[in-house]
């Protein structure tokens, strides 16, 4: 499914809370959407504005919702 990456969760404890740690790498000097260009203390909205399409989004939903309504339906509000 385009725009989606599946991460395996624990099959031994499927209802347990899971922690996702995202690592940002240092980008090439000309890359404008890099996290390092976001001023310290910026909120999520400004961070998303600076990072554009590279701003990470995470969501959780069942395959039926994903297949029926697409990735945006899994992000919630």
Protein backbone atom coordinates (compact mmCIF):
# COMPACT_ATOMS: atom_id res chain seq x y z
CA UNK A 1 0.00 0.00 0.00
CA UNK A 2 1.63 3.28 -1.10
CA UNK A 3 2.51 5.67 1.71
CA UNK A 4 2.36 3.01 4.42
CA UNK A 5 5.06 1.15 6.32
CA UNK A 6 4.01 -1.78 8.47
CA UNK A 7 5.83 -2.35 11.76
CA UNK A 8 5.49 -5.72 13.44
CA UNK A 9 4.21 -5.59 17.00
CA UNK A 10 4.51 -8.27 19.63
CA UNK A 11 2.56 -11.39 18.78
CA UNK A 12 3.08 -12.61 22.35
CA UNK A 13 1.45 -9.47 23.82
CA UNK A 14 -0.63 -7.88 21.03
CA UNK A 15 -2.65 -5.65 23.37
CA UNK A 16 0.39 -4.28 25.21
CA UNK A 17 1.48 -0.69 24.67
CA UNK A 18 4.34 -0.43 22.21
CA UNK A 19 6.97 2.30 22.02
CA UNK A 20 8.23 3.64 18.71
CA UNK A 21 11.50 5.56 18.71
CA UNK A 22 12.21 7.57 15.59
CA UNK A 23 15.75 8.60 14.73
CA UNK A 24 16.48 11.55 12.48
CA UNK A 25 19.72 11.43 10.56
CA UNK A 26 21.84 14.45 9.61
CA UNK A 27 20.86 15.36 6.06
CA UNK A 28 22.81 16.84 3.19
CA UNK A 29 23.43 20.59 3.64
CA UNK A 30 20.99 21.58 0.88
CA UNK A 31 18.06 19.55 2.26
CA UNK A 32 15.58 22.18 3.47
CA UNK A 33 13.15 19.86 5.29
CA UNK A 34 15.67 18.62 7.86
CA UNK A 35 14.68 18.52 11.57
CA UNK A 36 17.75 20.58 12.43
CA UNK A 37 16.11 23.61 10.76
CA UNK A 38 13.20 23.54 13.21
CA UNK A 39 13.77 26.07 16.02
CA UNK A 40 13.97 24.59 19.53
CA UNK A 41 10.62 24.85 21.28
CA UNK A 42 8.58 24.82 18.08
CA UNK A 43 5.21 23.16 18.26
CA UNK A 44 4.06 20.31 16.07
CA UNK A 45 2.37 22.60 13.55
CA UNK A 46 5.52 24.65 12.89
CA UNK A 47 7.66 21.51 12.81
CA UNK A 48 5.32 20.01 10.21
CA UNK A 49 5.50 23.24 8.21
CA UNK A 50 9.31 23.19 8.14
CA UNK A 51 9.62 19.47 7.41
CA UNK A 52 6.82 19.38 4.84
CA UNK A 53 6.28 15.93 3.34
CA UNK A 54 9.12 14.58 5.52
CA UNK A 55 7.28 15.26 8.81
CA UNK A 56 6.72 11.80 10.30
CA UNK A 57 3.17 10.64 10.98
CA UNK A 58 2.18 7.53 12.91
CA UNK A 59 -1.17 5.87 13.26
CA UNK A 60 -2.69 2.60 14.31
CA UNK A 61 -5.77 0.95 12.87
CA UNK A 62 -7.09 -2.32 11.59
CA UNK A 63 -6.44 -3.50 8.05
CA UNK A 64 -10.14 -3.12 7.22
CA UNK A 65 -10.01 0.62 7.99
CA UNK A 66 -6.71 1.03 6.17
CA UNK A 67 -7.93 -0.83 3.07
CA UNK A 68 -11.32 0.88 3.07
CA UNK A 69 -10.38 4.47 3.86
CA UNK A 70 -6.63 4.78 3.29
CA UNK A 71 -3.74 5.80 5.55
CA UNK A 72 -5.20 9.18 6.59
CA UNK A 73 -8.08 7.38 8.32
CA UNK A 74 -5.59 5.74 10.69
CA UNK A 75 -4.08 8.99 11.94
CA UNK A 76 -7.00 10.14 14.07
CA UNK A 77 -7.22 13.75 15.08
